[in-house]
Amino acid sequence: MYFIYIAALGWWRSGTFMQPATFALAVPLAIAGVALGEAIDRRRGWAILRDWLQVVLVLVAYRSVDWVALPHGDYEIENRIVRYDRRLLDSWGVRTTIEALGPLLPAILEAAYLGLYAVLPLAIAGFYLRHERDRIDTFLLPFLVGTLAVYAVLPHYPSEAPRFVFDGIDVPPIRTVLRSLNIWILDHWDIQSSVLPSGHVAAGLSAALAMRIAVPEQPRLSWALFGLTLLVWIGSVYSRYHYAVDGLAAVVVSTMAIVLLALVRRALGSRL
């Protein structure tokens, strides 16, 4: 449904069928092709391909936000929400606390931000290693719903990261190798049209909630993901990749989407 939504949004905004968002329709066709292959040929390879296809799906979904971007003519949103960052970092002493031990805590925050990219493939691999592949769908559905719900909101709030809008202001004084790597990834692979809500926080929180649903008897897994998400949220504000409001918005949207999914599944008797 997400990719059909992106294609439709692109058609509506551009007024033409021939535009980049139309390519989003190739994704549900590919998924349908894999599902058909699995239905016809019961060999395990099709099921494994379907599991790992989700990693690619999330990446393409995130990149597709730029296909339906709105013009960004001013910085009204950014100037309005940056005040909360300065209150958090300066008035509440978060910046001083992070820098109290030199490069240690900034490096940990950058490592958490970088490590988030591996959460989905590691989660899928974990189910295989624990011989619990039958639980992957129970994990993937809420994860995708929570993450893609946030991605669906991104095109409606054109905005730029504080490291661009407020260049040279509030920049961390300690430049670690991990920070340089994160900036390189963001410069080359991140979307350019919006940072509100935070896709990183959405993926981390959705993974935590989905893991809690799929593996309730091992709460340490979900708590570890909750902890990682908190570090990512704090680190994204400290390093000026995001505004604090971006993470808050991601938490609200992802949580609401997953709760709504749970309510719908309960109403349908878990047939979804």
C-alpha atoms as a PDB file:
ATOM      1  CA  MET A   1       0.000   0.000   0.000  1.00  0.00           C
ATOM      2  CA  TYR A   2       2.845   2.418   0.789  1.00  0.00           C
ATOM      3  CA  PHE A   3       4.246   2.330  -2.739  1.00  0.00           C
ATOM      4  CA  ILE A   4       0.811   2.766  -4.301  1.00  0.00           C
ATOM      5  CA  TYR A   5       0.392   5.798  -2.025  1.00  0.00           C
ATOM      6  CA  ILE A   6       3.746   7.224  -3.194  1.00  0.00           C
ATOM      7  CA  ALA A   7       2.825   6.716  -6.845  1.00  0.00           C
ATOM      8  CA  ALA A   8      -0.601   8.342  -6.351  1.00  0.00           C
ATOM      9  CA  LEU A   9       0.925  11.263  -4.428  1.00  0.00           C
ATOM     10  CA  GLY A  10       3.425  11.790  -7.211  1.00  0.00           C
ATOM     11  CA  TRP A  11       0.692  11.783  -9.862  1.00  0.00           C
ATOM     12  CA  TRP A  12      -1.400  14.249  -7.875  1.00  0.00           C
ATOM     13  CA  ARG A  13       1.460  16.663  -7.241  1.00  0.00           C
ATOM     14  CA  SER A  14       2.946  16.542 -10.730  1.00  0.00           C
ATOM     15  CA  GLY A  15      -0.270  16.172 -12.703  1.00  0.00           C
ATOM     16  CA  THR A  16       1.312  13.568 -14.955  1.00  0.00           C
ATOM     17  CA  PHE A  17       1.773   9.805 -15.008  1.00  0.00           C
ATOM     18  CA  MET A  18       5.314  10.045 -16.372  1.00  0.00           C
ATOM     19  CA  GLN A  19       7.315  11.011 -13.297  1.00  0.00           C
ATOM     20  CA  PRO A  20       9.715   9.227 -10.870  1.00  0.00           C
ATOM     21  CA  ALA A  21       7.065   8.157  -8.326  1.00  0.00           C
ATOM     22  CA  THR A  22       5.500   5.885 -10.955  1.00  0.00           C
ATOM     23  CA  PHE A  23       8.477   3.564 -10.524  1.00  0.00           C
ATOM     24  CA  ALA A  24       7.239   2.885  -6.982  1.00  0.00           C
ATOM     25  CA  LEU A  25       4.673   0.543  -8.527  1.00  0.00           C
ATOM     26  CA  ALA A  26       7.499  -1.810  -9.475  1.00  0.00           C
ATOM     27  CA  VAL A  27       7.944  -2.729  -5.805  1.00  0.00           C
ATOM     28  CA  PRO A  28       4.486  -4.245  -5.149  1.00  0.00           C
ATOM     29  CA  LEU A  29       4.812  -6.033  -8.504  1.00  0.00           C
ATOM     30  CA  ALA A  30       8.113  -7.529  -7.359  1.00  0.00           C
ATOM     31  CA  ILE A  31       6.588  -8.560  -4.034  1.00  0.00           C
ATOM     32  CA  ALA A  32       3.635 -10.134  -5.833  1.00  0.00           C
ATOM     33  CA  GLY A  33       6.074 -11.987  -8.084  1.00  0.00           C
ATOM     34  CA  VAL A  34       7.934 -13.449  -5.124  1.00  0.00           C
ATOM     35  CA  ALA A  35       4.641 -14.406  -3.439  1.00  0.00           C
ATOM     36  CA  LEU A  36       3.500 -16.118  -6.638  1.00  0.00           C
ATOM     37  CA  GLY A  37       6.777 -17.963  -6.896  1.00  0.00           C
ATOM     38  CA  GLU A  38       6.436 -19.125  -3.296  1.00  0.00           C
ATOM     39  CA  ALA A  39       2.863 -20.305  -3.941  1.00  0.00           C
ATOM     40  CA  ILE A  40       3.853 -22.271  -7.045  1.00  0.00           C
ATOM     41  CA  ASP A  41       7.200 -23.590  -5.858  1.00  0.00           C
ATOM     42  CA  ARG A  42       7.258 -24.557  -2.186  1.00  0.00           C
ATOM     43  CA  ARG A  43      11.028 -24.694  -1.935  1.00  0.00           C
ATOM     44  CA  ARG A  44      12.509 -22.821   1.040  1.00  0.00           C
ATOM     45  CA  GLY A  45      14.446 -20.398  -1.164  1.00  0.00           C
ATOM     46  CA  TRP A  46      11.353 -18.368  -2.058  1.00  0.00           C
ATOM     47  CA  ALA A  47      10.446 -17.868   1.605  1.00  0.00           C
ATOM     48  CA  ILE A  48      14.010 -16.805   2.421  1.00  0.00           C
ATOM     49  CA  LEU A  49      13.991 -14.377  -0.504  1.00  0.00           C
ATOM     50  CA  ARG A  50      10.710 -12.906   0.752  1.00  0.00           C
ATOM     51  CA  ASP A  51      12.173 -12.370   4.222  1.00  0.00           C
ATOM     52  CA  TRP A  52      15.289 -10.573   3.012  1.00  0.00           C
ATOM     53  CA  LEU A  53      13.440  -8.598   0.377  1.00  0.00           C
ATOM     54  CA  GLN A  54      12.043  -6.511   3.233  1.00  0.00           C
ATOM     55  CA  VAL A  55      15.475  -4.969   3.818  1.00  0.00           C
ATOM     56  CA  VAL A  56      15.559  -3.673   0.254  1.00  0.00           C
ATOM     57  CA  LEU A  57      11.908  -2.627   0.486  1.00  0.00           C
ATOM     58  CA  VAL A  58      12.587  -0.344   3.470  1.00  0.00           C
ATOM     59  CA  LEU A  59      15.554   1.294   1.734  1.00  0.00           C
ATOM     60  CA  VAL A  60      13.577   1.930  -1.441  1.00  0.00           C
ATOM     61  CA  ALA A  61      10.616   3.211   0.587  1.00  0.00           C
ATOM     62  CA  TYR A  62      12.844   5.755   2.312  1.00  0.00           C
ATOM     63  CA  ARG A  63      14.473   6.921  -0.911  1.00  0.00           C
ATOM     64  CA  SER A  64      11.061   7.247  -2.570  1.00  0.00           C
ATOM     65  CA  VAL A  65      10.232  10.208  -0.306  1.00  0.00           C
ATOM     66  CA  ASP A  66      12.407  12.377  -2.562  1.00  0.00           C
ATOM     67  CA  TRP A  67      10.311  11.333  -5.587  1.00  0.00           C
ATOM     68  CA  VAL A  68       7.320  13.289  -4.272  1.00  0.00           C
ATOM     69  CA  ALA A  69       9.125  16.190  -2.623  1.00  0.00           C
ATOM     70  CA  LEU A  70       7.540  19.612  -2.244  1.00  0.00           C
ATOM     71  CA  PRO A  71       9.511  22.820  -2.873  1.00  0.00           C
ATOM     72  CA  HIS A  72      11.217  24.128   0.244  1.00  0.00           C
ATOM     73  CA  GLY A  73      11.168  27.887  -0.023  1.00  0.00           C
ATOM     74  CA  ASP A  74      11.796  29.026   3.543  1.00  0.00           C
ATOM     75  CA  TYR A  75      12.915  27.757   6.929  1.00  0.00           C
ATOM     76  CA  GLU A  76       9.793  28.565   8.919  1.00  0.00           C
ATOM     77  CA  ILE A  77       9.505  25.076  10.403  1.00  0.00           C
ATOM     78  CA  GLU A  78      13.196  24.859  11.240  1.00  0.00           C
ATOM     79  CA  ASN A  79      13.321  28.280  12.924  1.00  0.00           C
ATOM     80  CA  ARG A  80      10.280  27.358  14.971  1.00  0.00           C
ATOM     81  CA  ILE A  81      11.483  24.007  16.286  1.00  0.00           C
ATOM     82  CA  VAL A  82      15.216  24.674  16.766  1.00  0.00           C
ATOM     83  CA  ARG A  83      14.430  26.540  19.986  1.00  0.00           C
ATOM     84  CA  TYR A  84      13.531  23.232  21.645  1.00  0.00           C
ATOM     85  CA  ASP A  85      16.913  21.805  20.688  1.00  0.00           C
ATOM     86  CA  ARG A  86      18.724  24.684  22.336  1.00  0.00           C
ATOM     87  CA  ARG A  87      16.625  24.321  25.449  1.00  0.00           C
ATOM     88  CA  LEU A  88      17.403  20.606  25.563  1.00  0.00           C
ATOM     89  CA  LEU A  89      21.104  20.904  24.788  1.00  0.00           C
ATOM     90  CA  ASP A  90      21.947  24.081  26.699  1.00  0.00           C
ATOM     91  CA  SER A  91      19.302  24.939  29.308  1.00  0.00           C
ATOM     92  CA  TRP A  92      18.920  21.321  30.417  1.00  0.00           C
ATOM     93  CA  GLY A  93      22.655  20.602  30.232  1.00  0.00           C
ATOM     94  CA  VAL A  94      22.501  17.673  27.816  1.00  0.00           C
ATOM     95  CA  ARG A  95      25.419  18.976  25.731  1.00  0.00           C
ATOM     96  CA  THR A  96      27.619  19.471  28.801  1.00  0.00           C
ATOM     97  CA  THR A  97      26.794  15.964  30.050  1.00  0.00           C
ATOM     98  CA  ILE A  98      27.597  14.348  26.703  1.00  0.00           C
ATOM     99  CA  GLU A  99      30.944  16.145  26.437  1.00  0.00           C
ATOM    100  CA  ALA A 100      31.940  15.610  30.079  1.00  0.00           C
ATOM    101  CA  LEU A 101      34.038  12.516  29.275  1.00  0.00           C
ATOM    102  CA  GLY A 102      35.648  13.876  26.132  1.00  0.00           C
ATOM    103  CA  PRO A 103      35.078  11.890  22.930  1.00  0.00           C
ATOM    104  CA  LEU A 104      33.676   8.772  24.673  1.00  0.00           C
ATOM    105  CA  LEU A 105      29.952   9.598  24.812  1.00  0.00           C
ATOM    106  CA  PRO A 106      29.876  11.397  21.434  1.00  0.00           C
ATOM    107  CA  ALA A 107      31.480   8.294  19.900  1.00  0.00           C
ATOM    108  CA  ILE A 108      28.892   6.028  21.549  1.00  0.00           C
ATOM    109  CA  LEU A 109      26.066   8.183  20.180  1.00  0.00           C
ATOM    110  CA  GLU A 110      27.577   8.140  16.686  1.00  0.00           C
ATOM    111  CA  ALA A 111      28.033   4.356  16.911  1.00  0.00           C
ATOM    112  CA  ALA A 112      24.366   3.953  17.863  1.00  0.00           C
ATOM    113  CA  TYR A 113      23.284   6.127  14.939  1.00  0.00           C
ATOM    114  CA  LEU A 114      25.470   4.119  12.571  1.00  0.00           C
ATOM    115  CA  GLY A 115      24.418   0.795  14.062  1.00  0.00           C
ATOM    116  CA  LEU A 116      20.748   1.438  13.410  1.00  0.00           C
ATOM    117  CA  TYR A 117      21.264   0.611   9.733  1.00  0.00           C
ATOM    118  CA  ALA A 118      21.990  -2.986  10.740  1.00  0.00           C
ATOM    119  CA  VAL A 119      18.952  -3.470  12.998  1.00  0.00           C
ATOM    120  CA  LEU A 120      16.584  -4.973  10.417  1.00  0.00           C
ATOM    121  CA  PRO A 121      19.027  -7.443   8.812  1.00  0.00           C
ATOM    122  CA  LEU A 122      20.340  -8.469  12.240  1.00  0.00           C
ATOM    123  CA  ALA A 123      16.794  -8.954  13.534  1.00  0.00           C
ATOM    124  CA  ILE A 124      15.928 -11.192  10.577  1.00  0.00           C
ATOM    125  CA  ALA A 125      19.186 -13.114  10.967  1.00  0.00           C
ATOM    126  CA  GLY A 126      18.453 -13.525  14.678  1.00  0.00           C
ATOM    127  CA  PHE A 127      15.203 -15.330  13.971  1.00  0.00           C
ATOM    128  CA  TYR A 128      17.050 -17.726  11.695  1.00  0.00           C
ATOM    129  CA  LEU A 129      19.827 -18.328  14.237  1.00  0.00           C
ATOM    130  CA  ARG A 130      17.277 -19.029  16.985  1.00  0.00           C
ATOM    131  CA  HIS A 131      15.381 -21.364  14.623  1.00  0.00           C
ATOM    132  CA  GLU A 132      12.319 -19.130  14.932  1.00  0.00           C
ATOM    133  CA  ARG A 133      11.708 -18.245  11.313  1.00  0.00           C
ATOM    134  CA  ASP A 134       7.992 -18.813  11.866  1.00  0.00           C
ATOM    135  CA  ARG A 135       7.993 -15.586  13.939  1.00  0.00           C
ATOM    136  CA  ILE A 136       9.523 -13.344  11.280  1.00  0.00           C
ATOM    137  CA  ASP A 137       6.178 -12.252   9.847  1.00  0.00           C
ATOM    138  CA  THR A 138       4.957 -11.437  13.358  1.00  0.00           C
ATOM    139  CA  PHE A 139       7.956  -9.115  13.663  1.00  0.00           C
ATOM    140  CA  LEU A 140       7.992  -7.692  10.147  1.00  0.00           C
ATOM    141  CA  LEU A 141       4.360  -6.588   9.942  1.00  0.00           C
ATOM    142  CA  PRO A 142       4.407  -4.129  12.888  1.00  0.00           C
ATOM    143  CA  PHE A 143       7.938  -3.058  12.013  1.00  0.00           C
ATOM    144  CA  LEU A 144       6.932  -2.152   8.471  1.00  0.00           C
ATOM    145  CA  VAL A 145       3.671  -0.502   9.557  1.00  0.00           C
ATOM    146  CA  GLY A 146       5.417   1.687  12.143  1.00  0.00           C
ATOM    147  CA  THR A 147       8.334   2.609   9.896  1.00  0.00           C
ATOM    148  CA  LEU A 148       6.410   3.199   6.673  1.00  0.00           C
ATOM    149  CA  ALA A 149       3.785   5.270   8.487  1.00  0.00           C
ATOM    150  CA  VAL A 150       6.524   7.766   9.323  1.00  0.00           C
ATOM    151  CA  TYR A 151       7.941   7.634   5.795  1.00  0.00           C
ATOM    152  CA  ALA A 152       4.436   8.426   4.518  1.00  0.00           C
ATOM    153  CA  VAL A 153       4.367  11.622   6.599  1.00  0.00           C
ATOM    154  CA  LEU A 154       7.795  12.880   5.477  1.00  0.00           C
ATOM    155  CA  PRO A 155       6.712  14.246   2.056  1.00  0.00           C
ATOM    156  CA  HIS A 156       4.239  16.605   3.720  1.00  0.00           C
ATOM    157  CA  TYR A 157       6.799  18.467   5.863  1.00  0.00           C
ATOM    158  CA  PRO A 158       9.667  19.712   3.682  1.00  0.00           C
ATOM    159  CA  SER A 159      12.559  20.546   5.970  1.00  0.00           C
ATOM    160  CA  GLU A 160      16.337  20.447   6.184  1.00  0.00           C
ATOM    161  CA  ALA A 161      18.661  19.149   8.868  1.00  0.00           C
ATOM    162  CA  PRO A 162      19.979  21.689  11.381  1.00  0.00           C
ATOM    163  CA  ARG A 163      23.554  21.022  10.248  1.00  0.00           C
ATOM    164  CA  PHE A 164      22.587  22.685   6.948  1.00  0.00           C
ATOM    165  CA  VAL A 165      20.108  25.344   8.045  1.00  0.00           C
ATOM    166  CA  PHE A 166      22.203  26.487  11.010  1.00  0.00           C
ATOM    167  CA  ASP A 167      25.621  25.702   9.572  1.00  0.00           C
ATOM    168  CA  GLY A 168      28.375  26.225  12.122  1.00  0.00           C
ATOM    169  CA  ILE A 169      25.949  26.754  15.023  1.00  0.00           C
ATOM    170  CA  ASP A 170      25.710  24.235  17.880  1.00  0.00           C
ATOM    171  CA  VAL A 171      28.141  21.931  16.050  1.00  0.00           C
ATOM    172  CA  PRO A 172      29.790  19.308  18.310  1.00  0.00           C
ATOM    173  CA  PRO A 173      33.375  20.405  19.038  1.00  0.00           C
ATOM    174  CA  ILE A 174      34.635  16.815  19.005  1.00  0.00           C
ATOM    175  CA  ARG A 175      34.989  15.284  15.537  1.00  0.00           C
ATOM    176  CA  THR A 176      35.235  11.481  15.767  1.00  0.00           C
ATOM    177  CA  VAL A 177      35.842   8.988  12.971  1.00  0.00           C
ATOM    178  CA  LEU A 178      32.320   7.667  13.420  1.00  0.00           C
ATOM    179  CA  ARG A 179      30.878  11.163  13.031  1.00  0.00           C
ATOM    180  CA  SER A 180      32.802  11.606   9.791  1.00  0.00           C
ATOM    181  CA  LEU A 181      31.438   8.289   8.550  1.00  0.00           C
ATOM    182  CA  ASN A 182      27.861   9.174   9.494  1.00  0.00           C
ATOM    183  CA  ILE A 183      28.124  12.527   7.740  1.00  0.00           C
ATOM    184  CA  TRP A 184      29.505  10.843   4.620  1.00  0.00           C
ATOM    185  CA  ILE A 185      26.576   8.396   4.574  1.00  0.00           C
ATOM    186  CA  LEU A 186      24.040  11.176   5.112  1.00  0.00           C
ATOM    187  CA  ASP A 187      25.632  13.367   2.431  1.00  0.00           C
ATOM    188  CA  HIS A 188      25.601  10.579  -0.153  1.00  0.00           C
ATOM    189  CA  TRP A 189      22.586   8.416   0.706  1.00  0.00           C
ATOM    190  CA  ASP A 190      20.114  10.368   2.817  1.00  0.00           C
ATOM    191  CA  ILE A 191      16.971  11.936   1.367  1.00  0.00           C
ATOM    192  CA  GLN A 192      17.116  15.689   0.816  1.00  0.00           C
ATOM    193  CA  SER A 193      13.455  16.690   1.032  1.00  0.00           C
ATOM    194  CA  SER A 194      12.579  16.253   4.718  1.00  0.00           C
ATOM    195  CA  VAL A 195      13.823  15.332   8.181  1.00  0.00           C
ATOM    196  CA  LEU A 196      10.462  15.576   9.979  1.00  0.00           C
ATOM    197  CA  PRO A 197       9.646  13.005  11.386  1.00  0.00           C
ATOM    198  CA  SER A 198      12.906  11.118  11.956  1.00  0.00           C
ATOM    199  CA  GLY A 199      13.209   7.947   9.889  1.00  0.00           C
ATOM    200  CA  HIS A 200      16.002   6.683  12.142  1.00  0.00           C
ATOM    201  CA  VAL A 201      13.949   6.968  15.315  1.00  0.00           C
ATOM    202  CA  ALA A 202      10.957   5.440  13.529  1.00  0.00           C
ATOM    203  CA  ALA A 203      12.917   2.365  12.442  1.00  0.00           C
ATOM    204  CA  GLY A 204      14.461   1.885  15.884  1.00  0.00           C
ATOM    205  CA  LEU A 205      11.225   2.270  17.819  1.00  0.00           C
ATOM    206  CA  SER A 206       9.250   0.143  15.358  1.00  0.00           C
ATOM    207  CA  ALA A 207      11.868  -2.606  15.670  1.00  0.00           C
ATOM    208  CA  ALA A 208      11.648  -2.444  19.459  1.00  0.00           C
ATOM    209  CA  LEU A 209       7.856  -2.624  19.539  1.00  0.00           C
ATOM    210  CA  ALA A 210       7.766  -5.332  16.867  1.00  0.00           C
ATOM    211  CA  MET A 211      10.321  -7.420  18.752  1.00  0.00           C
ATOM    212  CA  ARG A 212       8.232  -7.080  21.905  1.00  0.00           C
ATOM    213  CA  ILE A 213       5.230  -8.410  19.974  1.00  0.00           C
ATOM    214  CA  ALA A 214       7.099 -11.231  18.201  1.00  0.00           C
ATOM    215  CA  VAL A 215       9.290 -12.411  21.093  1.00  0.00           C
ATOM    216  CA  PRO A 216       7.500 -11.417  24.317  1.00  0.00           C
ATOM    217  CA  GLU A 217       9.316 -14.059  26.378  1.00  0.00           C
ATOM    218  CA  GLN A 218      12.679 -12.344  25.734  1.00  0.00           C
ATOM    219  CA  PRO A 219      12.094  -8.729  26.802  1.00  0.00           C
ATOM    220  CA  ARG A 220      15.828  -8.003  26.832  1.00  0.00           C
ATOM    221  CA  LEU A 221      15.779  -7.935  23.021  1.00  0.00           C
ATOM    222  CA  SER A 222      13.124  -5.227  22.848  1.00  0.00           C
ATOM    223  CA  TRP A 223      14.668  -3.277  25.733  1.00  0.00           C
ATOM    224  CA  ALA A 224      18.017  -3.280  23.942  1.00  0.00           C
ATOM    225  CA  LEU A 225      16.301  -1.833  20.887  1.00  0.00           C
ATOM    226  CA  PHE A 226      14.476   0.756  22.996  1.00  0.00           C
ATOM    227  CA  GLY A 227      17.842   1.770  24.461  1.00  0.00           C
ATOM    228  CA  LEU A 228      19.407   1.991  21.015  1.00  0.00           C
ATOM    229  CA  THR A 229      16.520   4.148  19.795  1.00  0.00           C
ATOM    230  CA  LEU A 230      16.956   6.547  22.713  1.00  0.00           C
ATOM    231  CA  LEU A 231      20.678   6.866  21.973  1.00  0.00           C
ATOM    232  CA  VAL A 232      19.896   7.488  18.302  1.00  0.00           C
ATOM    233  CA  TRP A 233      17.371  10.170  19.206  1.00  0.00           C
ATOM    234  CA  ILE A 234      19.759  11.965  21.568  1.00  0.00           C
ATOM    235  CA  GLY A 235      22.690  11.552  19.201  1.00  0.00           C
ATOM    236  CA  SER A 236      20.771  12.866  16.211  1.00  0.00           C
ATOM    237  CA  VAL A 237      19.966  16.067  18.098  1.00  0.00           C
ATOM    238  CA  TYR A 238      23.441  16.497  19.573  1.00  0.00           C
ATOM    239  CA  SER A 239      25.155  15.904  16.222  1.00  0.00           C
ATOM    240  CA  ARG A 240      22.628  18.196  14.449  1.00  0.00           C
ATOM    241  CA  TYR A 241      21.345  15.521  12.090  1.00  0.00           C
ATOM    242  CA  HIS A 242      17.806  16.109  13.363  1.00  0.00           C
ATOM    243  CA  TYR A 243      15.734  18.358  15.557  1.00  0.00           C
ATOM    244  CA  ALA A 244      14.352  16.972  18.821  1.00  0.00           C
ATOM    245  CA  VAL A 245      10.817  17.393  17.470  1.00  0.00           C
ATOM    246  CA  ASP A 246      11.682  15.047  14.581  1.00  0.00           C
ATOM    247  CA  GLY A 247      12.254  12.166  16.985  1.00  0.00           C
ATOM    248  CA  LEU A 248       9.168  13.000  19.035  1.00  0.00           C
ATOM    249  CA  ALA A 249       7.006  13.035  15.910  1.00  0.00           C
ATOM    250  CA  ALA A 250       8.433   9.666  14.856  1.00  0.00           C
ATOM    251  CA  VAL A 251       7.625   8.172  18.254  1.00  0.00           C
ATOM    252  CA  VAL A 252       4.027   9.407  18.103  1.00  0.00           C
ATOM    253  CA  VAL A 253       3.364   8.314  14.504  1.00  0.00           C
ATOM    254  CA  SER A 254       5.059   4.910  14.792  1.00  0.00           C
ATOM    255  CA  THR A 255       3.396   4.071  18.093  1.00  0.00           C
ATOM    256  CA  MET A 256      -0.043   5.102  16.853  1.00  0.00           C
ATOM    257  CA  ALA A 257       0.369   3.063  13.665  1.00  0.00           C
ATOM    258  CA  ILE A 258       1.420  -0.083  15.523  1.00  0.00           C
ATOM    259  CA  VAL A 259      -1.320   0.306  18.144  1.00  0.00           C
ATOM    260  CA  LEU A 260      -3.879   0.751  15.364  1.00  0.00           C
ATOM    261  CA  LEU A 261      -2.533  -2.384  13.680  1.00  0.00           C
ATOM    262  CA  ALA A 262      -2.941  -4.313  16.943  1.00  0.00           C
ATOM    263  CA  LEU A 263      -6.526  -3.092  17.333  1.00  0.00           C
ATOM    264  CA  VAL A 264      -7.396  -4.038  13.759  1.00  0.00           C
ATOM    265  CA  ARG A 265      -5.848  -7.478  14.183  1.00  0.00           C
ATOM    266  CA  ARG A 266      -7.771  -8.005  17.390  1.00  0.00           C
ATOM    267  CA  ALA A 267     -11.021  -6.962  15.706  1.00  0.00           C
ATOM    268  CA  LEU A 268     -10.306  -9.363  12.840  1.00  0.00           C
ATOM    269  CA  GLY A 269      -9.312 -12.171  15.153  1.00  0.00           C
ATOM    270  CA  SER A 270      -5.585 -11.906  14.188  1.00  0.00           C
ATOM    271  CA  ARG A 271      -6.315 -12.924  10.609  1.00  0.00           C
ATOM    272  CA  LEU A 272      -4.311  -9.942   9.312  1.00  0.00           C
END
